[in-house]
N, C-alpha and C. Protein backbone atom coordinates (compact mmCIF):
# COMPACT_ATOMS: atom_id res chain seq x y z
N MET A 1 153.25 -56.27 33.03
CA MET A 1 153.19 -56.91 34.33
C MET A 1 153.06 -55.85 35.42
N THR A 2 152.18 -56.12 36.35
CA THR A 2 152.03 -55.21 37.46
C THR A 2 152.25 -55.96 38.76
N GLY A 3 152.36 -55.22 39.84
CA GLY A 3 152.57 -55.84 41.14
C GLY A 3 154.03 -55.89 41.51
N LYS A 4 154.25 -56.15 42.78
CA LYS A 4 155.62 -56.23 43.28
C LYS A 4 156.23 -57.58 42.96
N ARG A 5 157.49 -57.58 42.65
CA ARG A 5 158.23 -58.80 42.36
C ARG A 5 158.48 -59.55 43.66
N HIS A 6 158.25 -60.89 43.63
CA HIS A 6 158.52 -61.73 44.79
C HIS A 6 158.73 -63.16 44.35
N GLY A 7 159.44 -63.93 45.18
CA GLY A 7 159.64 -65.34 44.88
C GLY A 7 160.97 -65.85 45.38
N LEU A 8 161.21 -67.11 45.09
CA LEU A 8 162.44 -67.81 45.47
C LEU A 8 163.08 -68.38 44.22
N SER A 9 164.40 -68.32 44.16
CA SER A 9 165.12 -69.03 43.11
C SER A 9 166.17 -69.90 43.79
N ILE A 10 166.57 -70.96 43.11
CA ILE A 10 167.48 -71.94 43.70
C ILE A 10 168.55 -72.33 42.69
N GLY A 11 169.74 -72.56 43.21
CA GLY A 11 170.85 -73.08 42.42
C GLY A 11 171.68 -74.00 43.29
N VAL A 12 172.38 -74.94 42.68
CA VAL A 12 173.26 -75.85 43.40
C VAL A 12 174.63 -75.77 42.75
N GLU A 13 175.64 -75.52 43.56
CA GLU A 13 177.02 -75.44 43.08
C GLU A 13 177.90 -76.36 43.90
N ARG A 14 178.96 -76.90 43.28
CA ARG A 14 179.95 -77.70 44.01
C ARG A 14 181.14 -76.80 44.30
N HIS A 15 181.61 -76.85 45.54
CA HIS A 15 182.78 -76.09 45.97
C HIS A 15 183.69 -77.05 46.72
N GLY A 16 184.66 -77.61 46.05
CA GLY A 16 185.57 -78.57 46.69
C GLY A 16 184.82 -79.77 47.22
N ALA A 17 184.91 -79.99 48.54
CA ALA A 17 184.34 -81.18 49.18
C ALA A 17 182.88 -81.00 49.57
N TYR A 18 182.29 -79.86 49.31
CA TYR A 18 180.91 -79.65 49.74
C TYR A 18 180.06 -79.07 48.61
N SER A 19 178.77 -79.27 48.74
CA SER A 19 177.81 -78.69 47.82
C SER A 19 177.28 -77.40 48.42
N LEU A 20 177.08 -76.41 47.59
CA LEU A 20 176.54 -75.14 48.04
C LEU A 20 175.18 -74.93 47.37
N LEU A 21 174.15 -74.89 48.18
CA LEU A 21 172.80 -74.60 47.72
C LEU A 21 172.63 -73.08 47.85
N VAL A 22 172.25 -72.43 46.76
CA VAL A 22 172.06 -70.98 46.77
C VAL A 22 170.58 -70.69 46.62
N LEU A 23 169.99 -70.08 47.64
CA LEU A 23 168.59 -69.68 47.62
C LEU A 23 168.53 -68.16 47.61
N ARG A 24 167.74 -67.60 46.71
CA ARG A 24 167.59 -66.15 46.64
C ARG A 24 166.13 -65.82 46.88
N ALA A 25 165.87 -65.08 47.94
CA ALA A 25 164.52 -64.68 48.29
C ALA A 25 164.32 -63.21 47.93
N VAL A 26 163.21 -62.92 47.27
CA VAL A 26 162.92 -61.55 46.81
C VAL A 26 161.50 -61.19 47.21
N GLY A 27 161.34 -60.01 47.80
CA GLY A 27 160.02 -59.49 48.11
C GLY A 27 159.38 -60.15 49.31
N HIS A 28 158.07 -60.17 49.29
CA HIS A 28 157.25 -60.73 50.37
C HIS A 28 156.74 -62.09 49.89
N LEU A 29 157.28 -63.18 50.47
CA LEU A 29 156.97 -64.52 49.97
C LEU A 29 155.56 -64.96 50.34
N THR A 30 154.95 -65.70 49.42
CA THR A 30 153.58 -66.18 49.59
C THR A 30 153.56 -67.71 49.58
N HIS A 31 152.42 -68.26 49.98
CA HIS A 31 152.23 -69.71 49.93
C HIS A 31 152.39 -70.21 48.48
N ALA A 32 151.89 -69.45 47.52
CA ALA A 32 152.01 -69.83 46.11
C ALA A 32 153.48 -69.93 45.68
N ASP A 33 154.33 -69.05 46.23
CA ASP A 33 155.77 -69.13 45.93
C ASP A 33 156.32 -70.48 46.40
N TYR A 34 155.93 -70.90 47.60
CA TYR A 34 156.42 -72.18 48.14
C TYR A 34 155.83 -73.36 47.38
N GLU A 35 154.60 -73.25 46.91
CA GLU A 35 154.03 -74.34 46.11
C GLU A 35 154.84 -74.56 44.84
N GLN A 36 155.40 -73.50 44.29
CA GLN A 36 156.20 -73.62 43.07
C GLN A 36 157.61 -74.10 43.34
N ILE A 37 158.24 -73.61 44.40
CA ILE A 37 159.66 -73.91 44.63
C ILE A 37 159.88 -75.15 45.48
N ALA A 38 158.93 -75.52 46.35
CA ALA A 38 159.12 -76.67 47.25
C ALA A 38 159.49 -77.96 46.50
N PRO A 39 158.82 -78.30 45.39
CA PRO A 39 159.23 -79.53 44.68
C PRO A 39 160.67 -79.47 44.17
N VAL A 40 161.12 -78.29 43.77
CA VAL A 40 162.49 -78.13 43.30
C VAL A 40 163.47 -78.33 44.46
N ILE A 41 163.16 -77.74 45.61
CA ILE A 41 164.01 -77.90 46.78
C ILE A 41 164.01 -79.36 47.23
N GLU A 42 162.83 -79.98 47.26
CA GLU A 42 162.72 -81.39 47.65
C GLU A 42 163.60 -82.24 46.73
N GLY A 43 163.54 -82.00 45.45
CA GLY A 43 164.34 -82.75 44.50
C GLY A 43 165.83 -82.53 44.69
N ALA A 44 166.22 -81.29 44.93
CA ALA A 44 167.64 -80.99 45.13
C ALA A 44 168.19 -81.65 46.39
N LEU A 45 167.36 -81.76 47.42
CA LEU A 45 167.83 -82.31 48.69
C LEU A 45 167.64 -83.81 48.82
N SER A 46 166.88 -84.41 47.93
CA SER A 46 166.55 -85.84 48.06
C SER A 46 167.77 -86.74 47.95
N GLY A 47 168.78 -86.35 47.22
CA GLY A 47 169.96 -87.19 47.05
C GLY A 47 171.06 -86.99 48.07
N VAL A 48 170.88 -86.07 49.00
CA VAL A 48 171.92 -85.80 49.99
C VAL A 48 171.94 -86.93 51.00
N LYS A 49 173.09 -87.60 51.13
CA LYS A 49 173.20 -88.78 51.99
C LYS A 49 173.78 -88.46 53.36
N GLU A 50 174.48 -87.40 53.49
CA GLU A 50 175.09 -87.05 54.77
C GLU A 50 174.99 -85.55 54.99
N PRO A 51 175.10 -85.07 56.22
CA PRO A 51 174.96 -83.63 56.47
C PRO A 51 176.20 -82.85 56.05
N ARG A 52 176.41 -82.74 54.76
CA ARG A 52 177.55 -82.00 54.24
C ARG A 52 177.12 -80.84 53.34
N LEU A 53 175.86 -80.56 53.28
CA LEU A 53 175.37 -79.52 52.40
C LEU A 53 175.50 -78.16 53.08
N ARG A 54 175.94 -77.21 52.32
CA ARG A 54 176.05 -75.84 52.81
C ARG A 54 175.16 -74.95 51.94
N ALA A 55 174.61 -73.91 52.55
CA ALA A 55 173.67 -73.06 51.81
C ALA A 55 173.98 -71.59 52.02
N LEU A 56 173.78 -70.84 50.96
CA LEU A 56 173.84 -69.38 51.01
C LEU A 56 172.43 -68.89 50.71
N VAL A 57 171.84 -68.18 51.65
CA VAL A 57 170.52 -67.59 51.45
C VAL A 57 170.75 -66.10 51.19
N GLU A 58 170.47 -65.69 49.96
CA GLU A 58 170.62 -64.29 49.58
C GLU A 58 169.32 -63.57 49.90
N ALA A 59 169.35 -62.73 50.93
CA ALA A 59 168.12 -62.11 51.43
C ALA A 59 168.16 -60.59 51.40
N THR A 60 169.03 -60.01 50.59
CA THR A 60 169.13 -58.55 50.56
C THR A 60 167.89 -57.88 49.98
N GLU A 61 167.10 -58.62 49.19
CA GLU A 61 165.86 -58.08 48.63
C GLU A 61 164.62 -58.72 49.27
N PHE A 62 164.83 -59.46 50.35
CA PHE A 62 163.77 -60.19 51.02
C PHE A 62 163.06 -59.29 52.02
N GLU A 63 161.72 -59.28 51.98
CA GLU A 63 160.93 -58.42 52.86
C GLU A 63 160.16 -59.19 53.93
N GLY A 64 160.04 -60.51 53.78
CA GLY A 64 159.33 -61.30 54.77
C GLY A 64 158.36 -62.29 54.14
N TRP A 65 157.50 -62.88 54.98
CA TRP A 65 156.57 -63.91 54.54
C TRP A 65 155.14 -63.52 54.89
N GLU A 66 154.19 -64.03 54.13
CA GLU A 66 152.82 -64.05 54.61
C GLU A 66 152.77 -65.21 55.60
N PRO A 67 151.80 -65.23 56.54
CA PRO A 67 151.79 -66.27 57.58
C PRO A 67 151.86 -67.70 57.06
N ARG A 68 151.09 -68.04 56.04
CA ARG A 68 151.11 -69.42 55.54
C ARG A 68 152.45 -69.75 54.90
N ALA A 69 153.10 -68.78 54.27
CA ALA A 69 154.41 -69.00 53.67
C ALA A 69 155.47 -69.21 54.74
N LEU A 70 155.35 -68.51 55.86
CA LEU A 70 156.27 -68.72 56.97
C LEU A 70 156.15 -70.16 57.47
N TRP A 71 154.92 -70.65 57.56
CA TRP A 71 154.69 -72.04 57.97
C TRP A 71 155.30 -73.01 56.95
N ASP A 72 155.17 -72.72 55.65
CA ASP A 72 155.77 -73.55 54.60
C ASP A 72 157.29 -73.61 54.77
N ASP A 73 157.89 -72.46 55.05
CA ASP A 73 159.34 -72.38 55.23
C ASP A 73 159.76 -73.20 56.45
N PHE A 74 159.03 -73.07 57.53
CA PHE A 74 159.31 -73.81 58.77
C PHE A 74 159.24 -75.32 58.52
N ARG A 75 158.22 -75.77 57.81
CA ARG A 75 158.07 -77.21 57.52
C ARG A 75 159.22 -77.73 56.67
N LEU A 76 159.64 -76.96 55.67
CA LEU A 76 160.79 -77.37 54.86
C LEU A 76 162.04 -77.49 55.72
N GLY A 77 162.23 -76.53 56.61
CA GLY A 77 163.38 -76.57 57.51
C GLY A 77 163.37 -77.78 58.42
N LEU A 78 162.22 -78.10 58.97
CA LEU A 78 162.12 -79.28 59.83
C LEU A 78 162.39 -80.56 59.06
N ARG A 79 161.87 -80.63 57.86
CA ARG A 79 161.99 -81.85 57.05
C ARG A 79 163.43 -82.09 56.58
N HIS A 80 164.18 -81.00 56.33
CA HIS A 80 165.49 -81.15 55.71
C HIS A 80 166.64 -80.56 56.53
N GLY A 81 166.39 -80.14 57.74
CA GLY A 81 167.43 -79.52 58.55
C GLY A 81 168.64 -80.40 58.81
N ALA A 82 168.46 -81.71 58.79
CA ALA A 82 169.56 -82.63 59.10
C ALA A 82 170.62 -82.69 58.00
N VAL A 83 170.31 -82.23 56.79
CA VAL A 83 171.29 -82.33 55.70
C VAL A 83 172.24 -81.13 55.64
N PHE A 84 172.02 -80.13 56.47
CA PHE A 84 172.83 -78.92 56.39
C PHE A 84 173.96 -78.91 57.40
N ASP A 85 175.14 -78.62 56.90
CA ASP A 85 176.32 -78.42 57.73
C ASP A 85 176.41 -76.95 58.14
N ARG A 86 176.17 -76.06 57.18
CA ARG A 86 176.21 -74.61 57.42
C ARG A 86 175.22 -73.90 56.52
N ILE A 87 174.59 -72.87 57.09
CA ILE A 87 173.73 -71.98 56.31
C ILE A 87 174.16 -70.55 56.60
N ALA A 88 174.55 -69.84 55.57
CA ALA A 88 174.90 -68.42 55.68
C ALA A 88 173.74 -67.60 55.12
N ILE A 89 173.24 -66.69 55.92
CA ILE A 89 172.18 -65.79 55.47
C ILE A 89 172.80 -64.43 55.23
N TRP A 90 172.78 -64.01 53.97
CA TRP A 90 173.33 -62.72 53.61
C TRP A 90 172.18 -61.74 53.44
N GLY A 91 172.15 -60.73 54.31
CA GLY A 91 171.06 -59.77 54.27
C GLY A 91 171.48 -58.42 54.80
N ASP A 92 170.47 -57.59 55.04
CA ASP A 92 170.76 -56.24 55.49
C ASP A 92 169.74 -55.72 56.51
N LYS A 93 169.04 -56.65 57.14
CA LYS A 93 168.03 -56.24 58.12
C LYS A 93 168.25 -56.96 59.44
N ARG A 94 168.03 -56.27 60.53
CA ARG A 94 168.25 -56.84 61.86
C ARG A 94 167.41 -58.09 62.10
N TRP A 95 166.16 -58.12 61.65
CA TRP A 95 165.32 -59.30 61.89
C TRP A 95 165.86 -60.52 61.18
N GLN A 96 166.62 -60.34 60.09
CA GLN A 96 167.21 -61.47 59.39
C GLN A 96 168.30 -62.11 60.25
N GLU A 97 169.01 -61.30 61.00
CA GLU A 97 170.02 -61.82 61.92
C GLU A 97 169.36 -62.67 63.01
N VAL A 98 168.25 -62.19 63.54
CA VAL A 98 167.50 -62.95 64.54
C VAL A 98 166.97 -64.25 63.93
N ALA A 99 166.47 -64.19 62.69
CA ALA A 99 165.96 -65.38 62.01
C ALA A 99 167.06 -66.42 61.83
N ALA A 100 168.29 -65.98 61.56
CA ALA A 100 169.41 -66.91 61.42
C ALA A 100 169.67 -67.64 62.73
N LYS A 101 169.60 -66.92 63.84
CA LYS A 101 169.82 -67.54 65.15
C LYS A 101 168.71 -68.56 65.45
N ILE A 102 167.48 -68.20 65.18
CA ILE A 102 166.37 -69.13 65.40
C ILE A 102 166.48 -70.33 64.46
N GLY A 103 166.83 -70.08 63.21
CA GLY A 103 166.97 -71.16 62.24
C GLY A 103 168.01 -72.18 62.63
N SER A 104 169.06 -71.74 63.32
CA SER A 104 170.11 -72.67 63.72
C SER A 104 169.60 -73.71 64.72
N TRP A 105 168.48 -73.45 65.38
CA TRP A 105 167.90 -74.42 66.31
C TRP A 105 167.33 -75.62 65.56
N PHE A 106 167.02 -75.47 64.28
CA PHE A 106 166.31 -76.49 63.53
C PHE A 106 167.15 -77.22 62.49
N ILE A 107 168.45 -76.98 62.50
CA ILE A 107 169.33 -77.70 61.57
C ILE A 107 170.39 -78.44 62.37
N SER A 108 170.99 -79.44 61.75
CA SER A 108 172.02 -80.21 62.44
C SER A 108 173.33 -79.44 62.52
N GLY A 109 173.50 -78.46 61.66
CA GLY A 109 174.72 -77.68 61.63
C GLY A 109 174.55 -76.32 62.26
N GLU A 110 175.08 -75.32 61.59
CA GLU A 110 175.11 -73.96 62.13
C GLU A 110 174.59 -72.96 61.10
N ALA A 111 173.88 -71.96 61.56
CA ALA A 111 173.41 -70.88 60.69
C ALA A 111 173.96 -69.56 61.24
N ARG A 112 174.43 -68.71 60.33
CA ARG A 112 174.95 -67.40 60.72
C ARG A 112 174.46 -66.34 59.72
N PHE A 113 174.37 -65.12 60.22
CA PHE A 113 173.96 -63.98 59.42
C PHE A 113 175.20 -63.18 59.02
N PHE A 114 175.20 -62.66 57.79
CA PHE A 114 176.31 -61.84 57.29
C PHE A 114 175.75 -60.65 56.53
N GLU A 115 176.38 -59.51 56.69
CA GLU A 115 176.03 -58.33 55.91
C GLU A 115 176.86 -58.24 54.65
N SER A 116 177.86 -59.11 54.51
CA SER A 116 178.73 -59.14 53.35
C SER A 116 178.67 -60.51 52.68
N ARG A 117 178.43 -60.51 51.37
CA ARG A 117 178.39 -61.78 50.64
C ARG A 117 179.75 -62.48 50.69
N ASP A 118 180.83 -61.72 50.54
CA ASP A 118 182.17 -62.30 50.56
C ASP A 118 182.46 -62.97 51.90
N GLU A 119 182.09 -62.32 53.01
CA GLU A 119 182.30 -62.93 54.32
C GLU A 119 181.48 -64.21 54.47
N ALA A 120 180.26 -64.21 53.97
CA ALA A 120 179.41 -65.41 54.02
C ALA A 120 180.06 -66.55 53.25
N LEU A 121 180.56 -66.27 52.06
CA LEU A 121 181.20 -67.32 51.25
C LEU A 121 182.49 -67.82 51.89
N ARG A 122 183.26 -66.92 52.51
CA ARG A 122 184.48 -67.35 53.21
C ARG A 122 184.14 -68.31 54.35
N TRP A 123 183.10 -67.97 55.13
CA TRP A 123 182.70 -68.84 56.24
C TRP A 123 182.22 -70.19 55.72
N LEU A 124 181.46 -70.18 54.65
CA LEU A 124 180.98 -71.44 54.08
C LEU A 124 182.13 -72.30 53.57
N ALA A 125 183.21 -71.67 53.11
CA ALA A 125 184.35 -72.40 52.56
C ALA A 125 185.28 -72.98 53.63
N GLU A 126 185.15 -72.54 54.87
CA GLU A 126 186.03 -73.03 55.95
C GLU A 126 185.88 -74.51 56.16
């Protein structure tokens, strides 16, 4: 295999009274990445009846999006932003912190950036 590794992975975990959606972004995301993962995300979110879902976005290996992939991400956020209570973005780049602030405009809950995974999980558990 050649080329740089990139893509999204998803997991759903239950933590007490809330569900935790774990998204891991790696590399530079493409439209093809979203074509593969969007149906999985749609399926995972289709059964959510109230805005009680919490998410951890693991972005320490995330480098950004191609333009069409950024649009795919934006559309997913608009379509499903109402189901999120909290989104913690765990990363290590300044632009990811800015993205968390912008992302909070499009969800019914709150989005925050963390440089520590443990701090992100503590906030999600509050």
